[in-house]
Amino acid sequence: MAHMTKHAAQHVYAVCPVCTGEIPVLTIEVDLSGWWRRKCQVTAIGDATDYIAHMWTHESSGDLE
């Protein structure tokens, strides 16, 4: 029997408190493998640099005053 592998990825967003825009922060990846003894691997990839850069644009344009 062939080795079964399933893969899924989902993005996690933060909402900007100034403009209510959605900023991607993390990507969650799930890998399922095996048939009889199912194995699950969950990986979180990302950081908050996009959110910080977005907030800096509000600060430099004067939106935070």
PDB file of N, CA and C in Angstrom:
ATOM      1  N   MET A   1       0.840  -1.181   0.000  1.00  0.00           N
ATOM      2  CA  MET A   1       0.000   0.000   0.000  1.00  0.00           C
ATOM      3  C   MET A   1       0.884   1.242   0.000  1.00  0.00           C
ATOM      4  N   ALA A   2       0.483   2.261  -0.722  1.00  0.00           N
ATOM      5  CA  ALA A   2       1.254   3.500  -0.833  1.00  0.00           C
ATOM      6  C   ALA A   2       1.203   4.289   0.463  1.00  0.00           C
ATOM      7  N   HIS A   3       2.253   5.052   0.691  1.00  0.00           N
ATOM      8  CA  HIS A   3       2.347   5.907   1.870  1.00  0.00           C
ATOM      9  C   HIS A   3       1.449   7.128   1.655  1.00  0.00           C
ATOM     10  N   MET A   4       0.503   7.371   2.553  1.00  0.00           N
ATOM     11  CA  MET A   4      -0.432   8.481   2.418  1.00  0.00           C
ATOM     12  C   MET A   4       0.092   9.710   3.145  1.00  0.00           C
ATOM     13  N   THR A   5       0.070  10.850   2.470  1.00  0.00           N
ATOM     14  CA  THR A   5       0.468  12.106   3.089  1.00  0.00           C
ATOM     15  C   THR A   5      -0.557  13.169   2.730  1.00  0.00           C
ATOM     16  N   LYS A   6      -1.002  13.898   3.713  1.00  0.00           N
ATOM     17  CA  LYS A   6      -1.902  15.029   3.491  1.00  0.00           C
ATOM     18  C   LYS A   6      -1.227  16.275   4.043  1.00  0.00           C
ATOM     19  N   HIS A   7      -1.417  17.391   3.374  1.00  0.00           N
ATOM     20  CA  HIS A   7      -0.777  18.638   3.762  1.00  0.00           C
ATOM     21  C   HIS A   7      -1.812  19.761   3.688  1.00  0.00           C
ATOM     22  N   ALA A   8      -1.797  20.629   4.681  1.00  0.00           N
ATOM     23  CA  ALA A   8      -2.683  21.796   4.680  1.00  0.00           C
ATOM     24  C   ALA A   8      -1.925  22.981   5.261  1.00  0.00           C
ATOM     25  N   ALA A   9      -2.229  24.161   4.764  1.00  0.00           N
ATOM     26  CA  ALA A   9      -1.617  25.387   5.279  1.00  0.00           C
ATOM     27  C   ALA A   9      -2.713  26.430   5.473  1.00  0.00           C
ATOM     28  N   GLN A  10      -2.602  27.189   6.535  1.00  0.00           N
ATOM     29  CA  GLN A  10      -3.592  28.231   6.834  1.00  0.00           C
ATOM     30  C   GLN A  10      -2.844  29.469   7.326  1.00  0.00           C
ATOM     31  N   HIS A  11      -3.247  30.622   6.843  1.00  0.00           N
ATOM     32  CA  HIS A  11      -2.625  31.871   7.267  1.00  0.00           C
ATOM     33  C   HIS A  11      -3.368  32.439   8.472  1.00  0.00           C
ATOM     34  N   VAL A  12      -2.621  33.057   9.373  1.00  0.00           N
ATOM     35  CA  VAL A  12      -3.190  33.715  10.552  1.00  0.00           C
ATOM     36  C   VAL A  12      -2.935  35.210  10.385  1.00  0.00           C
ATOM     37  N   TYR A  13      -3.978  36.004  10.547  1.00  0.00           N
ATOM     38  CA  TYR A  13      -3.892  37.443  10.338  1.00  0.00           C
ATOM     39  C   TYR A  13      -4.094  38.195  11.645  1.00  0.00           C
ATOM     40  N   ALA A  14      -3.463  39.382  11.728  1.00  0.00           N
ATOM     41  CA  ALA A  14      -3.729  40.327  12.811  1.00  0.00           C
ATOM     42  C   ALA A  14      -4.525  41.476  12.198  1.00  0.00           C
ATOM     43  N   VAL A  15      -5.400  42.075  12.973  1.00  0.00           N
ATOM     44  CA  VAL A  15      -6.202  43.194  12.487  1.00  0.00           C
ATOM     45  C   VAL A  15      -5.593  44.485  13.016  1.00  0.00           C
ATOM     46  N   CYS A  16      -5.342  45.415  12.102  1.00  0.00           N
ATOM     47  CA  CYS A  16      -4.767  46.708  12.473  1.00  0.00           C
ATOM     48  C   CYS A  16      -5.800  47.500  13.263  1.00  0.00           C
ATOM     49  N   PRO A  17      -5.425  48.016  14.444  1.00  0.00           N
ATOM     50  CA  PRO A  17      -6.378  48.795  15.240  1.00  0.00           C
ATOM     51  C   PRO A  17      -6.663  50.186  14.667  1.00  0.00           C
ATOM     52  N   VAL A  18      -5.873  50.634  13.695  1.00  0.00           N
ATOM     53  CA  VAL A  18      -6.057  51.967  13.115  1.00  0.00           C
ATOM     54  C   VAL A  18      -6.957  51.904  11.883  1.00  0.00           C
ATOM     55  N   CYS A  19      -6.634  51.020  10.943  1.00  0.00           N
ATOM     56  CA  CYS A  19      -7.380  50.987   9.679  1.00  0.00           C
ATOM     57  C   CYS A  19      -8.201  49.706   9.505  1.00  0.00           C
ATOM     58  N   THR A  20      -8.163  48.825  10.458  1.00  0.00           N
ATOM     59  CA  THR A  20      -8.850  47.518  10.456  1.00  0.00           C
ATOM     60  C   THR A  20      -8.455  46.632   9.273  1.00  0.00           C
ATOM     61  N   GLY A  21      -7.271  46.882   8.721  1.00  0.00           N
ATOM     62  CA  GLY A  21      -6.755  46.016   7.660  1.00  0.00           C
ATOM     63  C   GLY A  21      -6.205  44.721   8.238  1.00  0.00           C
ATOM     64  N   GLU A  22      -6.225  43.668   7.449  1.00  0.00           N
ATOM     65  CA  GLU A  22      -5.689  42.385   7.890  1.00  0.00           C
ATOM     66  C   GLU A  22      -4.229  42.268   7.448  1.00  0.00           C
ATOM     67  N   ILE A  23      -3.349  41.943   8.393  1.00  0.00           N
ATOM     68  CA  ILE A  23      -1.930  41.810   8.133  1.00  0.00           C
ATOM     69  C   ILE A  23      -1.522  40.368   8.418  1.00  0.00           C
ATOM     70  N   PRO A  24      -0.916  39.662   7.439  1.00  0.00           N
ATOM     71  CA  PRO A  24      -0.498  38.282   7.690  1.00  0.00           C
ATOM     72  C   PRO A  24       0.627  38.223   8.720  1.00  0.00           C
ATOM     73  N   VAL A  25       0.482  37.338   9.706  1.00  0.00           N
ATOM     74  CA  VAL A  25       1.472  37.230  10.775  1.00  0.00           C
ATOM     75  C   VAL A  25       2.123  35.849  10.784  1.00  0.00           C
ATOM     76  N   LEU A  26       1.337  34.800  10.673  1.00  0.00           N
ATOM     77  CA  LEU A  26       1.840  33.435  10.735  1.00  0.00           C
ATOM     78  C   LEU A  26       1.225  32.578   9.638  1.00  0.00           C
ATOM     79  N   THR A  27       1.927  31.504   9.306  1.00  0.00           N
ATOM     80  CA  THR A  27       1.365  30.441   8.484  1.00  0.00           C
ATOM     81  C   THR A  27       1.472  29.166   9.295  1.00  0.00           C
ATOM     82  N   ILE A  28       0.359  28.482   9.461  1.00  0.00           N
ATOM     83  CA  ILE A  28       0.321  27.207  10.171  1.00  0.00           C
ATOM     84  C   ILE A  28       0.253  26.104   9.126  1.00  0.00           C
ATOM     85  N   GLU A  29       1.209  25.167   9.186  1.00  0.00           N
ATOM     86  CA  GLU A  29       1.218  24.038   8.273  1.00  0.00           C
ATOM     87  C   GLU A  29       1.007  22.750   9.053  1.00  0.00           C
ATOM     88  N   VAL A  30       0.169  21.882   8.515  1.00  0.00           N
ATOM     89  CA  VAL A  30      -0.114  20.589   9.141  1.00  0.00           C
ATOM     90  C   VAL A  30       0.176  19.496   8.118  1.00  0.00           C
ATOM     91  N   ASP A  31       0.997  18.539   8.502  1.00  0.00           N
ATOM     92  CA  ASP A  31       1.301  17.386   7.661  1.00  0.00           C
ATOM     93  C   ASP A  31       0.832  16.127   8.379  1.00  0.00           C
ATOM     94  N   LEU A  32      -0.009  15.354   7.714  1.00  0.00           N
ATOM     95  CA  LEU A  32      -0.471  14.065   8.227  1.00  0.00           C
ATOM     96  C   LEU A  32       0.117  12.974   7.350  1.00  0.00           C
ATOM     97  N   SER A  33       0.677  11.966   7.965  1.00  0.00           N
ATOM     98  CA  SER A  33       1.234  10.859   7.199  1.00  0.00           C
ATOM     99  C   SER A  33       0.911   9.548   7.899  1.00  0.00           C
ATOM    100  N   GLY A  34       1.040   8.470   7.158  1.00  0.00           N
ATOM    101  CA  GLY A  34       0.762   7.159   7.717  1.00  0.00           C
ATOM    102  C   GLY A  34      -0.695   6.776   7.566  1.00  0.00           C
ATOM    103  N   TRP A  35      -0.943   5.504   7.762  1.00  0.00           N
ATOM    104  CA  TRP A  35      -2.313   5.030   7.690  1.00  0.00           C
ATOM    105  C   TRP A  35      -2.720   4.383   9.008  1.00  0.00           C
ATOM    106  N   TRP A  36      -1.999   3.391   9.435  1.00  0.00           N
ATOM    107  CA  TRP A  36      -2.335   2.707  10.676  1.00  0.00           C
ATOM    108  C   TRP A  36      -1.919   3.526  11.896  1.00  0.00           C
ATOM    109  N   ARG A  37      -0.700   3.975  11.912  1.00  0.00           N
ATOM    110  CA  ARG A  37      -0.198   4.840  12.994  1.00  0.00           C
ATOM    111  C   ARG A  37      -0.042   6.248  12.424  1.00  0.00           C
ATOM    112  N   ARG A  38      -1.106   6.989  12.474  1.00  0.00           N
ATOM    113  CA  ARG A  38      -1.148   8.342  11.910  1.00  0.00           C
ATOM    114  C   ARG A  38      -0.177   9.253  12.655  1.00  0.00           C
ATOM    115  N   LYS A  39       0.620  10.017  11.902  1.00  0.00           N
ATOM    116  CA  LYS A  39       1.546  10.988  12.482  1.00  0.00           C
ATOM    117  C   LYS A  39       1.126  12.378  12.036  1.00  0.00           C
ATOM    118  N   CYS A  40       1.213  13.324  12.951  1.00  0.00           N
ATOM    119  CA  CYS A  40       0.810  14.701  12.679  1.00  0.00           C
ATOM    120  C   CYS A  40       1.958  15.635  13.054  1.00  0.00           C
ATOM    121  N   GLN A  41       2.343  16.490  12.109  1.00  0.00           N
ATOM    122  CA  GLN A  41       3.378  17.482  12.370  1.00  0.00           C
ATOM    123  C   GLN A  41       2.775  18.862  12.127  1.00  0.00           C
ATOM    124  N   VAL A  42       2.849  19.737  13.129  1.00  0.00           N
ATOM    125  CA  VAL A  42       2.319  21.095  13.026  1.00  0.00           C
ATOM    126  C   VAL A  42       3.495  22.063  13.098  1.00  0.00           C
ATOM    127  N   THR A  43       3.561  22.989  12.133  1.00  0.00           N
ATOM    128  CA  THR A  43       4.648  23.949  12.068  1.00  0.00           C
ATOM    129  C   THR A  43       4.060  25.356  11.962  1.00  0.00           C
ATOM    130  N   ALA A  44       4.565  26.276  12.779  1.00  0.00           N
ATOM    131  CA  ALA A  44       4.170  27.686  12.704  1.00  0.00           C
ATOM    132  C   ALA A  44       5.345  28.465  12.124  1.00  0.00           C
ATOM    133  N   ILE A  45       5.092  29.174  11.036  1.00  0.00           N
ATOM    134  CA  ILE A  45       6.136  29.914  10.343  1.00  0.00           C
ATOM    135  C   ILE A  45       5.717  31.378  10.275  1.00  0.00           C
ATOM    136  N   GLY A  46       6.614  32.284  10.667  1.00  0.00           N
ATOM    137  CA  GLY A  46       6.327  33.698  10.534  1.00  0.00           C
ATOM    138  C   GLY A  46       6.844  34.511  11.696  1.00  0.00           C
ATOM    139  N   ASP A  47       6.629  35.787  11.589  1.00  0.00           N
ATOM    140  CA  ASP A  47       6.996  36.723  12.643  1.00  0.00           C
ATOM    141  C   ASP A  47       6.116  37.965  12.512  1.00  0.00           C
ATOM    142  N   ALA A  48       6.364  38.947  13.310  1.00  0.00           N
ATOM    143  CA  ALA A  48       5.499  40.127  13.330  1.00  0.00           C
ATOM    144  C   ALA A  48       6.088  41.299  12.555  1.00  0.00           C
ATOM    145  N   THR A  49       7.073  41.083  11.686  1.00  0.00           N
ATOM    146  CA  THR A  49       7.706  42.204  10.995  1.00  0.00           C
ATOM    147  C   THR A  49       6.744  42.932  10.063  1.00  0.00           C
ATOM    148  N   ASP A  50       5.838  42.218   9.401  1.00  0.00           N
ATOM    149  CA  ASP A  50       4.864  42.894   8.533  1.00  0.00           C
ATOM    150  C   ASP A  50       3.928  43.785   9.347  1.00  0.00           C
ATOM    151  N   TYR A  51       3.526  43.308  10.513  1.00  0.00           N
ATOM    152  CA  TYR A  51       2.647  44.098  11.380  1.00  0.00           C
ATOM    153  C   TYR A  51       3.375  45.352  11.871  1.00  0.00           C
ATOM    154  N   ILE A  52       4.620  45.192  12.275  1.00  0.00           N
ATOM    155  CA  ILE A  52       5.405  46.340  12.771  1.00  0.00           C
ATOM    156  C   ILE A  52       5.610  47.357  11.652  1.00  0.00           C
ATOM    157  N   ALA A  53       5.954  46.897  10.449  1.00  0.00           N
ATOM    158  CA  ALA A  53       6.133  47.806   9.317  1.00  0.00           C
ATOM    159  C   ALA A  53       4.832  48.531   8.985  1.00  0.00           C
ATOM    160  N   HIS A  54       3.711  47.831   9.071  1.00  0.00           N
ATOM    161  CA  HIS A  54       2.409  48.441   8.807  1.00  0.00           C
ATOM    162  C   HIS A  54       2.121  49.542   9.826  1.00  0.00           C
ATOM    163  N   MET A  55       2.396  49.280  11.104  1.00  0.00           N
ATOM    164  CA  MET A  55       2.156  50.289  12.143  1.00  0.00           C
ATOM    165  C   MET A  55       3.098  51.480  11.980  1.00  0.00           C
ATOM    166  N   TRP A  56       4.319  51.249  11.521  1.00  0.00           N
ATOM    167  CA  TRP A  56       5.248  52.350  11.268  1.00  0.00           C
ATOM    168  C   TRP A  56       4.723  53.260  10.162  1.00  0.00           C
ATOM    169  N   THR A  57       4.058  52.694   9.153  1.00  0.00           N
ATOM    170  CA  THR A  57       3.503  53.536   8.095  1.00  0.00           C
ATOM    171  C   THR A  57       2.413  54.448   8.654  1.00  0.00           C
ATOM    172  N   HIS A  58       1.617  53.948   9.598  1.00  0.00           N
ATOM    173  CA  HIS A  58       0.608  54.797  10.236  1.00  0.00           C
ATOM    174  C   HIS A  58       1.279  55.891  11.062  1.00  0.00           C
ATOM    175  N   GLU A  59       2.338  55.546  11.769  1.00  0.00           N
ATOM    176  CA  GLU A  59       3.035  56.528  12.612  1.00  0.00           C
ATOM    177  C   GLU A  59       3.685  57.614  11.759  1.00  0.00           C
ATOM    178  N   SER A  60       4.320  57.211  10.645  1.00  0.00           N
ATOM    179  CA  SER A  60       5.006  58.197   9.799  1.00  0.00           C
ATOM    180  C   SER A  60       4.017  59.087   9.045  1.00  0.00           C
ATOM    181  N   SER A  61       2.812  58.601   8.794  1.00  0.00           N
ATOM    182  CA  SER A  61       1.813  59.420   8.096  1.00  0.00           C
ATOM    183  C   SER A  61       0.978  60.263   9.057  1.00  0.00           C
ATOM    184  N   GLY A  62       1.177  60.086  10.358  1.00  0.00           N
ATOM    185  CA  GLY A  62       0.458  60.892  11.333  1.00  0.00           C
ATOM    186  C   GLY A  62      -0.891  60.328  11.734  1.00  0.00           C
ATOM    187  N   ASP A  63      -1.198  59.096  11.366  1.00  0.00           N
ATOM    188  CA  ASP A  63      -2.490  58.480  11.706  1.00  0.00           C
ATOM    189  C   ASP A  63      -2.639  58.142  13.179  1.00  0.00           C
ATOM    190  N   LEU A  64      -1.537  58.048  13.908  1.00  0.00           N
ATOM    191  CA  LEU A  64      -1.593  57.624  15.312  1.00  0.00           C
ATOM    192  C   LEU A  64      -1.724  58.786  16.282  1.00  0.00           C
ATOM    193  N   GLU A  65      -1.785  59.980  15.792  1.00  0.00           N
ATOM    194  CA  GLU A  65      -1.866  61.149  16.699  1.00  0.00           C
ATOM    195  C   GLU A  65      -3.279  61.431  17.131  1.00  0.00           C
TER     196      GLU A  65
END
